[in-house]
Protein backbone atom coordinates (compact mmCIF):
# COMPACT_ATOMS: atom_id res chain seq x y z
CA MET A 1 136.39 72.09 108.30
CA GLY A 2 134.69 75.28 109.78
CA LEU A 3 136.88 77.42 106.50
CA LEU A 4 135.70 74.77 104.01
CA LEU A 5 132.20 75.00 104.82
CA THR A 6 131.95 78.72 105.09
CA GLY A 7 134.43 79.22 102.13
CA SER A 8 132.20 77.07 99.91
CA PHE A 9 129.14 78.77 100.80
CA LEU A 10 130.79 82.18 99.82
CA LEU A 11 131.89 80.43 96.82
CA PHE A 12 128.77 79.51 95.72
CA MET A 13 126.95 82.53 96.52
CA ILE A 14 129.90 84.49 94.37
CA LEU A 15 128.94 81.77 91.25
CA GLY A 16 125.12 82.79 91.52
CA VAL A 17 123.77 79.82 93.09
CA PRO A 18 120.49 80.05 94.56
CA ILE A 19 120.51 80.55 98.51
CA GLY A 20 119.13 77.35 99.54
CA LEU A 21 121.00 75.07 96.96
CA ALA A 22 124.36 77.12 97.98
CA ILE A 23 123.61 76.31 101.65
CA GLY A 24 122.63 72.71 101.26
CA ALA A 25 125.34 71.95 98.82
CA SER A 26 128.11 73.66 101.36
CA SER A 27 126.90 71.37 104.16
CA LEU A 28 126.90 68.32 102.26
CA LEU A 29 130.25 69.11 100.74
CA VAL A 30 131.73 68.90 104.70
CA LEU A 31 129.39 65.93 105.44
CA VAL A 32 131.39 64.05 102.54
CA VAL A 33 134.80 65.37 103.20
CA SER A 34 134.70 64.49 107.42
CA GLY A 35 133.32 61.22 106.37
CA LEU A 36 130.20 61.44 108.49
CA PRO A 37 127.09 59.35 107.85
CA LEU A 38 124.82 60.85 104.75
CA GLU A 39 121.84 59.67 106.88
CA MET A 40 121.77 62.54 109.23
CA VAL A 41 121.04 64.88 105.97
CA PRO A 42 117.38 64.18 105.87
CA GLN A 43 116.96 63.89 109.61
CA THR A 44 118.10 66.99 110.32
CA MET A 45 116.62 68.93 107.14
CA PHE A 46 113.27 67.66 108.40
CA ALA A 47 114.12 68.20 112.02
CA GLY A 48 114.54 72.08 110.63
CA THR A 49 111.06 72.26 109.74
CA SER A 50 109.48 70.50 112.25
CA SER A 51 108.53 73.43 114.48
CA PHE A 52 104.66 74.07 114.78
CA ALA A 53 105.60 77.92 114.73
CA LEU A 54 106.75 77.84 111.16
CA VAL A 55 102.99 76.92 110.44
CA ALA A 56 102.33 80.52 110.40
CA VAL A 57 104.44 81.31 107.76
CA PRO A 58 102.45 79.88 104.76
CA PHE A 59 99.35 81.34 106.32
CA PHE A 60 100.77 85.26 106.94
CA ILE A 61 102.30 85.04 103.26
CA LEU A 62 98.73 83.89 102.01
CA ALA A 63 97.04 86.46 103.79
CA GLY A 64 99.19 89.39 103.13
CA ASP A 65 98.68 88.44 99.13
CA VAL A 66 94.74 88.27 100.03
CA LEU A 67 95.09 91.43 101.63
CA SER A 68 97.34 93.43 99.21
CA ARG A 69 95.52 91.92 95.77
CA GLY A 70 91.92 91.91 97.38
CA GLY A 71 91.31 95.63 97.06
CA ILE A 72 91.59 95.97 100.76
CA SER A 73 95.01 97.94 100.86
CA GLU A 74 93.08 100.45 98.06
CA ARG A 75 90.92 101.18 100.53
CA ILE A 76 93.27 101.93 103.62
CA VAL A 77 95.22 104.06 101.00
CA SER A 78 92.02 106.28 100.23
CA PHE A 79 91.17 106.56 103.63
CA ALA A 80 94.74 108.21 104.78
CA GLU A 81 94.93 110.08 101.67
CA ALA A 82 91.69 111.88 102.79
CA SER A 83 92.59 112.23 106.25
CA LEU A 84 96.23 113.67 105.63
CA GLY A 85 96.14 114.86 101.98
CA ARG A 86 95.76 118.64 103.03
CA ILE A 87 99.19 119.27 104.52
CA ARG A 88 101.75 120.47 102.12
CA GLY A 89 103.13 117.21 100.98
CA GLY A 90 100.61 115.25 102.43
CA LEU A 91 100.83 112.57 99.86
CA SER A 92 104.32 111.62 100.95
CA ILE A 93 102.98 110.94 104.69
CA VAL A 94 100.15 109.36 103.05
CA SER A 95 102.76 106.66 101.56
CA THR A 96 104.49 106.21 104.66
CA VAL A 97 101.17 106.22 107.11
CA ALA A 98 99.63 103.44 104.45
CA SER A 99 102.44 101.61 104.42
CA MET A 100 102.91 101.02 108.01
CA PHE A 101 99.08 100.35 108.22
CA ILE A 102 99.74 97.83 105.35
CA SER A 103 102.63 96.69 107.05
CA ALA A 104 100.40 95.51 109.99
CA ILE A 105 98.45 93.26 107.37
CA SER A 106 100.76 92.27 104.81
CA GLY A 107 103.89 91.32 107.15
CA SER A 108 105.91 91.41 104.17
CA GLY A 109 108.05 94.22 102.58
CA ALA A 110 107.74 93.58 98.99
CA ALA A 111 103.91 93.29 99.31
CA THR A 112 103.42 96.54 101.33
CA THR A 113 105.77 98.21 98.44
CA ALA A 114 103.37 96.83 95.86
CA ALA A 115 100.39 97.69 97.50
CA VAL A 116 101.06 101.29 98.54
CA GLY A 117 103.00 101.75 95.04
CA THR A 118 100.12 100.52 92.92
CA ALA A 119 97.45 102.81 94.82
CA LEU A 120 99.66 105.94 95.42
CA LEU A 121 102.34 106.64 92.63
CA PRO A 122 100.23 107.36 89.48
CA GLN A 123 98.46 110.16 92.20
CA LEU A 124 101.76 111.64 93.33
CA GLU A 125 103.04 111.87 89.77
CA GLU A 126 99.61 113.68 88.66
CA LYS A 127 99.82 116.11 91.78
CA GLY A 128 103.51 117.01 90.53
CA TYR A 129 105.84 115.01 92.92
CA ASP A 130 108.94 113.79 91.29
CA VAL A 131 108.53 110.22 90.65
CA ASP A 132 111.74 109.24 91.54
CA PHE A 133 111.84 110.64 94.82
CA SER A 134 107.76 108.72 95.16
CA ALA A 135 109.01 105.48 94.41
CA ALA A 136 111.97 106.02 97.00
CA LEU A 137 109.94 106.85 99.51
CA ILE A 138 107.37 104.34 99.24
CA ALA A 139 110.45 101.65 98.70
CA ALA A 140 111.79 102.82 101.74
CA ALA A 141 108.93 102.60 103.81
CA GLY A 142 108.27 99.42 102.62
CA THR A 143 111.13 97.92 104.90
CA ILE A 144 108.65 98.84 107.94
CA GLY A 145 106.70 95.80 106.17
CA VAL A 146 108.82 93.31 108.26
CA VAL A 147 109.31 95.46 111.43
CA ILE A 148 105.80 96.17 112.30
CA PRO A 149 103.89 92.56 113.05
CA PRO A 150 102.79 90.55 111.77
CA SER A 151 106.14 89.62 110.47
CA VAL A 152 107.65 86.46 108.82
CA PRO A 153 111.25 87.02 109.54
CA MET A 154 110.28 87.47 113.31
CA VAL A 155 108.69 84.33 113.32
CA LEU A 156 111.98 82.64 111.94
CA TYR A 157 113.80 84.23 114.83
CA ALA A 158 111.72 83.19 116.84
CA VAL A 159 112.24 79.27 115.70
CA ILE A 160 115.73 79.48 115.55
CA SER A 161 116.23 81.88 119.15
CA GLY A 162 113.66 79.90 121.01
CA VAL A 163 111.83 83.46 122.41
CA SER A 164 108.51 84.45 122.64
CA VAL A 165 106.86 85.30 119.14
CA ALA A 166 104.02 87.47 120.93
CA LYS A 167 106.77 89.13 123.07
CA LEU A 168 108.78 89.68 119.25
CA PHE A 169 105.63 91.03 117.99
CA LEU A 170 104.95 93.52 120.59
CA ALA A 171 108.81 94.72 120.29
CA GLY A 172 108.00 95.75 116.41
CA PHE A 173 105.66 98.58 117.33
CA ILE A 174 108.18 101.15 118.30
CA PRO A 175 111.10 100.44 116.14
CA GLY A 176 108.46 100.70 113.34
CA ALA A 177 106.70 103.82 114.13
CA LEU A 178 110.27 105.63 114.51
CA MET A 179 111.26 104.17 111.00
CA GLY A 180 108.02 105.68 109.92
CA LEU A 181 108.12 108.75 111.99
CA GLY A 182 111.94 109.37 110.59
CA LEU A 183 110.53 109.36 107.12
CA ILE A 184 108.12 111.26 107.30
CA LEU A 185 109.80 114.01 108.88
CA TYR A 186 112.08 113.83 105.94
CA SER A 187 109.36 113.79 103.09
CA LEU A 188 108.06 116.98 104.93
CA HIS A 189 111.26 118.61 104.25
CA ILE A 190 111.77 117.47 100.98
CA ALA A 191 107.99 118.47 100.13
CA ARG A 192 108.39 122.51 101.59
CA LYS A 193 111.88 122.40 99.65
CA ARG A 194 110.43 121.68 96.26
CA ASN A 195 106.75 123.30 97.01
CA TYR A 196 105.13 119.78 96.75
CA PRO A 197 101.25 120.96 96.93
CA ALA A 198 98.53 120.26 99.11
CA CYS A 199 95.32 118.09 98.07
CA PRO A 200 91.87 120.00 98.59
CA PRO A 201 90.03 119.33 101.99
CA VAL A 202 87.70 116.40 101.81
CA PRO A 203 84.30 116.66 103.32
CA SER A 204 83.83 115.24 106.57
CA ALA A 205 80.33 112.89 105.14
CA GLU A 206 83.39 111.96 102.45
CA LYS A 207 85.92 110.82 105.10
CA ARG A 208 83.47 108.97 106.70
CA ARG A 209 82.40 106.92 103.99
CA LEU A 210 85.85 106.08 103.40
CA PHE A 211 86.32 105.29 106.86
CA LEU A 212 83.24 103.07 106.63
CA ASP A 213 84.85 101.53 103.10
CA ALA A 214 88.16 100.96 104.93
CA LEU A 215 86.94 99.70 108.18
CA TRP A 216 86.98 95.87 107.39
CA GLY A 217 90.65 96.01 106.20
CA LEU A 218 91.68 98.27 109.11
CA MET A 219 90.27 95.67 111.49
CA THR A 220 92.69 92.71 110.13
CA PRO A 221 95.54 93.67 112.55
CA VAL A 222 93.41 94.59 115.39
CA ILE A 223 91.76 90.67 115.21
CA ILE A 224 95.12 89.59 114.57
CA LEU A 225 97.62 91.03 116.94
CA GLY A 226 94.75 91.55 119.54
CA GLY A 227 94.15 87.81 119.51
CA ILE A 228 97.77 87.08 120.04
CA PHE A 229 98.24 89.62 122.88
CA THR A 230 95.34 88.70 124.58
CA GLY A 231 96.38 85.17 124.49
CA PHE A 232 93.13 84.29 122.95
CA PHE A 233 95.22 82.41 120.10
CA THR A 234 98.71 81.63 119.17
CA PRO A 235 100.54 83.36 116.89
CA SER A 236 100.20 80.07 114.41
CA GLU A 237 96.35 80.35 114.97
CA ALA A 238 96.29 83.95 114.19
CA ALA A 239 98.13 83.44 110.85
CA ALA A 240 95.01 80.70 109.82
CA ILE A 241 92.47 83.07 111.47
CA ALA A 242 93.86 86.31 109.01
CA VAL A 243 93.75 84.09 106.09
CA VAL A 244 90.10 83.22 106.69
CA TYR A 245 89.30 86.59 107.50
CA SER A 246 90.77 88.26 104.54
CA LEU A 247 89.02 85.39 102.33
CA LEU A 248 85.85 86.78 103.69
CA VAL A 249 86.27 90.40 103.00
CA ALA A 250 88.00 90.03 99.47
CA LEU A 251 85.19 87.28 98.56
CA PHE A 252 81.99 88.51 100.14
CA VAL A 253 82.36 92.08 101.24
CA TYR A 254 84.60 94.01 98.68
CA ARG A 255 83.83 90.97 95.94
CA THR A 256 87.20 91.82 94.48
CA LEU A 257 88.73 88.43 94.20
CA ASP A 258 87.14 85.89 92.26
CA TRP A 259 87.76 81.82 92.89
CA LYS A 260 90.36 81.75 90.04
CA GLY A 261 92.31 84.71 91.36
CA LEU A 262 92.23 83.04 94.73
CA TYR A 263 93.51 79.96 93.06
CA ARG A 264 96.93 81.71 91.60
CA LEU A 265 97.27 83.42 94.92
CA VAL A 266 97.55 80.22 96.79
CA ILE A 267 99.68 78.72 94.28
CA ASN A 268 102.19 81.76 94.81
CA ALA A 269 102.00 81.68 98.14
CA GLY A 270 102.98 77.77 98.28
CA VAL A 271 105.73 78.64 95.68
CA THR A 272 106.97 81.21 98.09
CA SER A 273 106.28 79.34 101.32
CA SER A 274 108.46 76.01 99.93
CA LEU A 275 111.30 78.45 98.88
CA ILE A 276 111.44 79.50 102.49
CA MET A 277 111.00 75.99 104.11
CA PHE A 278 113.53 74.78 101.95
CA ILE A 279 115.92 77.37 103.13
CA ILE A 280 115.17 76.84 106.35
CA ALA A 281 115.54 72.87 106.26
CA THR A 282 119.01 73.71 104.67
CA ALA A 283 119.97 76.06 107.23
CA LYS A 284 119.24 73.77 109.63
CA LEU A 285 122.19 71.39 108.19
CA PHE A 286 124.29 74.42 107.84
CA GLY A 287 123.52 75.13 111.42
CA TRP A 288 124.60 71.40 112.55
CA GLY A 289 127.97 72.54 110.74
CA LEU A 290 128.58 75.58 112.42
CA ALA A 291 127.22 73.95 115.59
CA PHE A 292 129.87 70.94 115.22
CA TYR A 293 132.90 73.09 114.29
CA GLN A 294 132.30 75.45 117.25
CA ILE A 295 132.28 78.50 114.43
CA PRO A 296 129.71 80.59 116.43
CA GLU A 297 132.18 80.35 119.45
CA THR A 298 135.19 81.10 117.33
CA VAL A 299 132.99 83.83 116.12
CA ALA A 300 132.38 85.08 119.43
CA ARG A 301 136.31 84.70 120.83
CA THR A 302 137.52 87.01 117.71
CA LEU A 303 135.09 89.57 118.21
CA LEU A 304 135.93 89.71 122.15
CA GLY A 305 139.40 89.47 121.23
CA PHE A 306 139.25 91.97 118.51
CA VAL A 307 137.57 94.80 120.48
CA GLY A 308 137.81 93.50 123.88
CA ASN A 309 134.67 92.96 126.12
CA GLN A 310 133.24 96.47 125.07
CA PRO A 311 129.57 95.99 124.15
CA LEU A 312 129.33 99.07 122.51
CA LEU A 313 131.79 98.01 119.93
CA ILE A 314 130.88 94.40 119.50
CA TYR A 315 127.35 95.67 118.84
CA LEU A 316 128.48 98.24 116.36
CA ALA A 317 130.54 95.61 114.64
CA ILE A 318 127.70 93.16 114.49
CA THR A 319 125.21 95.71 113.25
CA ILE A 320 127.66 96.96 110.41
CA PHE A 321 127.89 93.08 109.15
CA ILE A 322 123.94 92.88 109.38
CA LEU A 323 123.91 95.73 107.40
CA MET A 324 126.25 94.54 104.53
CA ALA A 325 124.68 91.13 104.60
CA GLY A 326 121.18 92.67 103.76
CA MET A 327 122.60 94.27 101.06
CA PHE A 328 123.63 91.31 99.41
CA MET A 329 121.00 88.42 100.72
CA GLU A 330 117.27 87.98 100.76
CA THR A 331 115.87 88.93 104.26
CA ALA A 332 114.67 85.89 105.56
CA SER A 333 117.82 83.62 104.33
CA ALA A 334 120.19 86.37 106.00
CA LEU A 335 118.38 86.01 109.09
CA ILE A 336 118.23 82.22 109.30
CA ILE A 337 122.19 82.16 108.48
CA LEU A 338 123.47 84.94 110.71
CA THR A 339 121.27 84.22 113.64
CA PRO A 340 122.73 80.98 115.05
CA LEU A 341 126.23 82.79 114.15
CA PHE A 342 125.80 85.90 116.48
CA LEU A 343 123.64 84.17 119.01
CA PRO A 344 126.35 82.81 121.09
CA THR A 345 128.10 86.67 121.08
CA ILE A 346 125.02 88.07 122.43
CA GLN A 347 124.75 85.93 124.86
CA GLN A 348 128.18 85.83 126.37
CA LEU A 349 127.55 89.78 126.62
CA GLY A 350 124.31 89.28 128.30
CA GLY A 351 122.32 90.88 125.67
CA ASP A 352 118.43 90.32 125.62
CA LEU A 353 117.74 87.95 122.73
CA ILE A 354 114.17 90.11 121.93
CA HIS A 355 116.57 93.00 121.57
CA PHE A 356 118.92 91.47 119.26
CA GLY A 357 116.12 89.73 117.34
CA LEU A 358 114.39 93.54 116.56
CA VAL A 359 118.18 94.76 115.69
CA ILE A 360 118.85 91.91 113.37
CA THR A 361 115.15 92.19 111.44
CA VAL A 362 115.61 96.10 111.42
CA GLY A 363 118.89 95.72 110.00
CA LEU A 364 118.30 92.85 107.20
CA ALA A 365 115.05 95.01 106.42
CA ILE A 366 116.77 98.46 105.36
CA GLY A 367 118.83 95.64 102.86
CA MET A 368 115.57 95.46 100.97
CA ALA A 369 116.16 99.33 100.05
CA THR A 370 119.67 99.17 99.53
CA PRO A 371 121.02 97.60 96.30
CA PRO A 372 122.29 95.49 94.63
CA VAL A 373 119.65 93.18 96.34
CA ALA A 374 116.99 95.40 96.95
CA ILE A 375 113.33 93.86 96.25
CA ASP A 376 111.70 96.76 97.00
CA ILE A 377 113.55 99.29 94.67
CA TYR A 378 112.78 96.34 92.06
CA VAL A 379 109.04 96.59 92.91
CA ALA A 380 108.87 100.29 92.70
CA SER A 381 110.89 99.86 89.85
CA ALA A 382 108.40 97.56 87.95
CA ILE A 383 105.69 99.98 88.83
CA THR A 384 106.90 102.99 87.82
CA GLY A 385 109.23 102.05 84.78
CA LEU A 386 112.29 103.78 86.52
CA SER A 387 115.89 102.14 86.41
CA VAL A 388 116.94 100.53 89.67
CA GLU A 389 119.73 103.61 89.56
CA GLU A 390 117.14 106.30 89.23
CA ILE A 391 115.26 105.16 92.47
CA SER A 392 118.79 104.39 93.92
CA ARG A 393 119.78 108.19 94.41
CA PRO A 394 116.85 109.57 96.27
CA ILE A 395 116.56 106.59 98.80
CA VAL A 396 120.11 107.33 99.87
CA PRO A 397 119.14 109.92 102.59
CA MET A 398 116.09 107.65 103.53
CA VAL A 399 118.68 105.05 104.17
CA LEU A 400 120.69 106.94 106.21
CA ILE A 401 117.72 107.80 108.45
CA LEU A 402 116.82 104.19 108.95
CA VAL A 403 120.23 103.47 109.93
CA ALA A 404 120.16 105.98 112.47
CA VAL A 405 116.95 104.52 113.58
CA LEU A 406 118.60 101.31 113.74
CA LEU A 407 121.60 102.79 115.90
CA LEU A 408 119.25 104.11 117.80
CA LEU A 409 117.78 100.80 118.76
CA THR A 410 120.74 98.77 118.97
CA TYR A 411 122.02 101.30 122.04
CA VAL A 412 119.07 102.07 123.54
CA PRO A 413 117.27 98.50 124.21
CA GLN A 414 114.29 100.07 126.25
CA LEU A 415 112.99 101.75 122.92
CA VAL A 416 112.44 97.65 121.92
CA LEU A 417 111.93 96.13 125.23
CA PHE A 418 109.23 98.74 126.87
CA LEU A 419 106.15 97.23 125.15
CA PRO A 420 107.18 93.38 125.98
CA GLY A 421 108.28 94.43 129.70
CA LEU A 422 104.14 95.17 130.17
CA PHE A 423 103.12 91.80 129.20
């Protein structure tokens, strides 16, 4: 039955069945063949979506949409450009730093790529930067969107594994910073090699004006994360507060969003949230099947039997599997499926679940910039008009840098656990 469950799921995926339906259909097939009561299907699916922590998912999605389309991200990018543009290749640094800032607002890789790409790619092309390199850099930097909190995948992992959302959020800062630093150093190397220009200096008065203009947007992560880490409100409450704050800024401060535009954003966020929640519901049924037929335990025994009780090799095997899954599956879907599959192995090794949460989040985030299922590349392609292949070539070294950061995080868990250990 375990083979039927996993085999039918893979077959449905190969046939191009949407991920939520593939998960649900394979689970239902096993239940029918096993003769188990079908009444458990709705009960299990509803149980999978009944966690209070999942309230944060639609709110963070809506907040990210409002912030990225309400003129807030453009102001943050303008301030970053004025501050860092004087360095040779400074706009490349701006691309990465702006992505890191907006990551702390949107919680989405695609939203980060879209916001930074729309604001910066025309300027990069105008200043003489190679368009394919610029698009690849912004797509690669977009992966930081789900690593620096808030992060929807982290919320999903916390619900599945039972760990603290706040501690996961704290653990994401250093990995996100390392990913950004790696991309900045590489972009500076390319800038010197290709003699990319530096922007003219911006007067201090203009910098001050741009800072004050961007301040409302810069305060968003301070309010959200500060409230969570001080215990003033929970991550779910923070998500709702983020929506209220971003709406007030977009509607009444910047006045870049009208009620008609807000209606469209709410509809889009509702559709995206419903897709994620449906996947969570069917994944709960799939997870029940995995647990009932003891597939995670079998995977753990197989790994331990194949490489012995050697944590280094087991973590390497799991990391490679995560990277491959990220290449072919959407981030949230892959995380929902892989987390219950590998948790028993991690627990048998005595590994820390917060550490593993960051490993799987970063690994799957890299998949967002790795074809064939590379949502960040698709977004950059739509903005620039370049083909996916044209962006995929220059992104290879950047992906390798991100993989090196992932391996560093995997084998030096203190980098992940340092900040959560302080609280």
